[in-house]
Amino acid sequence: MESLIILIPLALILIGVAIKVFFWAVDNGQFDDLEGPAHSILFDEPQRTQIPKANSQKDDKP
């Protein structure tokens, strides 16, 4: 019976923290696009073009 004095407030605090984390995630857009990241892994990355460095051309000249 004495343990209920500790466990009930502890449970209420944990529920409060869980609700606060849930609303924080909703406000920051964690649940906006649930399918986009799951499908993006299936597509290849676009090919990147390499931009020549200006300094490397100067080093190649004799």
N, C-alpha and C. Protein backbone atom coordinates (compact mmCIF):
# COMPACT_ATOMS: atom_id res chain seq x y z
N MET A 1 0.82 -1.20 0.00
CA MET A 1 0.00 0.00 0.00
C MET A 1 0.86 1.26 0.00
N GLU A 2 2.00 1.16 0.67
CA GLU A 2 2.89 2.32 0.73
C GLU A 2 3.54 2.60 -0.62
N SER A 3 3.70 1.54 -1.42
CA SER A 3 4.32 1.74 -2.74
C SER A 3 3.40 2.50 -3.68
N LEU A 4 2.11 2.46 -3.46
CA LEU A 4 1.18 3.22 -4.31
C LEU A 4 1.39 4.72 -4.15
N ILE A 5 1.83 5.13 -3.01
CA ILE A 5 2.08 6.56 -2.77
C ILE A 5 3.19 7.05 -3.70
N ILE A 6 4.13 6.18 -4.01
CA ILE A 6 5.23 6.55 -4.91
C ILE A 6 4.85 6.27 -6.36
N LEU A 7 4.21 5.16 -6.62
CA LEU A 7 3.96 4.74 -8.00
C LEU A 7 2.90 5.57 -8.72
N ILE A 8 1.87 6.00 -8.03
CA ILE A 8 0.81 6.79 -8.70
C ILE A 8 1.35 8.14 -9.17
N PRO A 9 2.05 8.92 -8.35
CA PRO A 9 2.60 10.17 -8.89
C PRO A 9 3.66 9.94 -9.98
N LEU A 10 4.43 8.86 -9.83
CA LEU A 10 5.42 8.56 -10.85
C LEU A 10 4.75 8.22 -12.18
N ALA A 11 3.66 7.47 -12.13
CA ALA A 11 2.92 7.15 -13.36
C ALA A 11 2.31 8.40 -13.98
N LEU A 12 1.79 9.28 -13.16
CA LEU A 12 1.22 10.52 -13.69
C LEU A 12 2.28 11.41 -14.33
N ILE A 13 3.46 11.44 -13.74
CA ILE A 13 4.56 12.22 -14.32
C ILE A 13 4.98 11.62 -15.67
N LEU A 14 5.09 10.29 -15.75
CA LEU A 14 5.48 9.65 -17.01
C LEU A 14 4.43 9.86 -18.09
N ILE A 15 3.16 9.82 -17.73
CA ILE A 15 2.10 10.08 -18.71
C ILE A 15 2.18 11.52 -19.19
N GLY A 16 2.43 12.44 -18.28
CA GLY A 16 2.57 13.85 -18.66
C GLY A 16 3.74 14.07 -19.61
N VAL A 17 4.87 13.41 -19.35
CA VAL A 17 6.03 13.53 -20.23
C VAL A 17 5.73 12.93 -21.60
N ALA A 18 5.04 11.78 -21.63
CA ALA A 18 4.71 11.14 -22.91
C ALA A 18 3.78 12.02 -23.73
N ILE A 19 2.81 12.64 -23.10
CA ILE A 19 1.88 13.53 -23.83
C ILE A 19 2.64 14.75 -24.35
N LYS A 20 3.54 15.30 -23.56
CA LYS A 20 4.32 16.47 -23.99
C LYS A 20 5.21 16.12 -25.18
N VAL A 21 5.85 14.95 -25.16
CA VAL A 21 6.70 14.51 -26.27
C VAL A 21 5.86 14.29 -27.53
N PHE A 22 4.67 13.73 -27.37
CA PHE A 22 3.79 13.50 -28.52
C PHE A 22 3.41 14.82 -29.18
N PHE A 23 2.99 15.81 -28.39
CA PHE A 23 2.60 17.09 -28.98
C PHE A 23 3.80 17.83 -29.55
N TRP A 24 4.97 17.65 -28.96
CA TRP A 24 6.19 18.25 -29.52
C TRP A 24 6.48 17.65 -30.91
N ALA A 25 6.31 16.34 -31.04
CA ALA A 25 6.56 15.69 -32.32
C ALA A 25 5.54 16.13 -33.37
N VAL A 26 4.29 16.29 -32.97
CA VAL A 26 3.26 16.73 -33.91
C VAL A 26 3.55 18.17 -34.35
N ASP A 27 3.94 19.03 -33.44
CA ASP A 27 4.23 20.43 -33.79
C ASP A 27 5.45 20.55 -34.69
N ASN A 28 6.42 19.65 -34.58
CA ASN A 28 7.63 19.73 -35.40
C ASN A 28 7.51 18.98 -36.71
N GLY A 29 6.33 18.45 -37.03
CA GLY A 29 6.10 17.84 -38.33
C GLY A 29 6.59 16.42 -38.48
N GLN A 30 6.73 15.70 -37.40
CA GLN A 30 7.21 14.33 -37.49
C GLN A 30 6.21 13.40 -38.17
N PHE A 31 4.93 13.77 -38.16
CA PHE A 31 3.90 12.91 -38.73
C PHE A 31 3.30 13.49 -39.99
N ASP A 32 3.94 14.49 -40.59
CA ASP A 32 3.38 15.12 -41.79
C ASP A 32 3.44 14.20 -43.00
N ASP A 33 4.58 13.60 -43.27
CA ASP A 33 4.75 12.75 -44.44
C ASP A 33 5.22 11.38 -43.97
N LEU A 34 4.29 10.46 -43.82
CA LEU A 34 4.65 9.14 -43.30
C LEU A 34 5.11 8.19 -44.41
N GLU A 35 4.71 8.43 -45.66
CA GLU A 35 5.03 7.50 -46.73
C GLU A 35 6.22 7.96 -47.57
N GLY A 36 6.52 9.23 -47.60
CA GLY A 36 7.59 9.75 -48.44
C GLY A 36 8.96 9.17 -48.13
N PRO A 37 9.42 9.19 -46.90
CA PRO A 37 10.73 8.60 -46.61
C PRO A 37 10.78 7.09 -46.85
N ALA A 38 9.65 6.41 -46.67
CA ALA A 38 9.64 4.97 -46.92
C ALA A 38 9.81 4.66 -48.40
N HIS A 39 9.26 5.50 -49.27
CA HIS A 39 9.37 5.27 -50.71
C HIS A 39 10.68 5.83 -51.27
N SER A 40 11.25 6.82 -50.64
CA SER A 40 12.45 7.45 -51.20
C SER A 40 13.63 6.50 -51.19
N ILE A 41 13.64 5.52 -50.33
CA ILE A 41 14.76 4.57 -50.29
C ILE A 41 14.76 3.66 -51.52
N LEU A 42 13.62 3.55 -52.19
CA LEU A 42 13.52 2.66 -53.35
C LEU A 42 14.08 3.29 -54.62
N PHE A 43 14.18 4.60 -54.66
CA PHE A 43 14.64 5.29 -55.86
C PHE A 43 16.13 5.55 -55.78
N ASP A 44 16.77 5.57 -56.94
CA ASP A 44 18.19 5.87 -56.99
C ASP A 44 18.42 7.34 -56.75
N GLU A 45 19.60 7.63 -56.28
CA GLU A 45 19.97 9.03 -56.10
C GLU A 45 20.28 9.64 -57.46
N PRO A 46 19.95 10.91 -57.66
CA PRO A 46 20.31 11.54 -58.93
C PRO A 46 21.82 11.65 -59.05
N GLN A 47 22.30 11.51 -60.31
CA GLN A 47 23.73 11.57 -60.52
C GLN A 47 24.21 12.99 -60.35
N ARG A 48 25.29 13.10 -59.66
CA ARG A 48 25.87 14.42 -59.40
C ARG A 48 26.94 14.71 -60.44
N THR A 49 26.95 15.93 -60.92
CA THR A 49 28.00 16.33 -61.84
C THR A 49 29.13 16.93 -61.02
N GLN A 50 30.35 16.58 -61.42
CA GLN A 50 31.48 17.09 -60.67
C GLN A 50 31.89 18.44 -61.24
N ILE A 51 32.05 19.37 -60.38
CA ILE A 51 32.47 20.70 -60.76
C ILE A 51 33.99 20.76 -60.65
N PRO A 52 34.67 21.11 -61.77
CA PRO A 52 36.13 21.17 -61.69
C PRO A 52 36.56 22.29 -60.76
N LYS A 53 37.59 21.99 -60.01
CA LYS A 53 38.10 22.99 -59.08
C LYS A 53 39.04 23.94 -59.82
N ALA A 54 38.95 25.20 -59.51
CA ALA A 54 39.78 26.21 -60.15
C ALA A 54 41.24 26.05 -59.74
N ASN A 55 41.49 25.63 -58.52
CA ASN A 55 42.86 25.50 -58.04
C ASN A 55 43.57 24.32 -58.67
N SER A 56 42.83 23.24 -59.01
CA SER A 56 43.48 22.07 -59.57
C SER A 56 43.97 22.34 -60.99
N GLN A 57 43.34 23.25 -61.74
CA GLN A 57 43.78 23.57 -63.09
C GLN A 57 45.09 24.37 -63.05
N LYS A 58 45.25 25.19 -62.04
CA LYS A 58 46.47 25.97 -61.94
C LYS A 58 47.66 25.08 -61.59
N ASP A 59 47.43 24.02 -60.82
CA ASP A 59 48.50 23.13 -60.42
C ASP A 59 48.97 22.24 -61.56
N ASP A 60 48.12 21.97 -62.57
CA ASP A 60 48.47 21.10 -63.67
C ASP A 60 49.38 21.78 -64.69
N LYS A 61 49.41 23.11 -64.73
CA LYS A 61 50.24 23.81 -65.71
C LYS A 61 51.71 23.73 -65.32
N PRO A 62 52.58 23.46 -66.30
CA PRO A 62 54.02 23.39 -65.98
C PRO A 62 54.66 24.73 -65.75
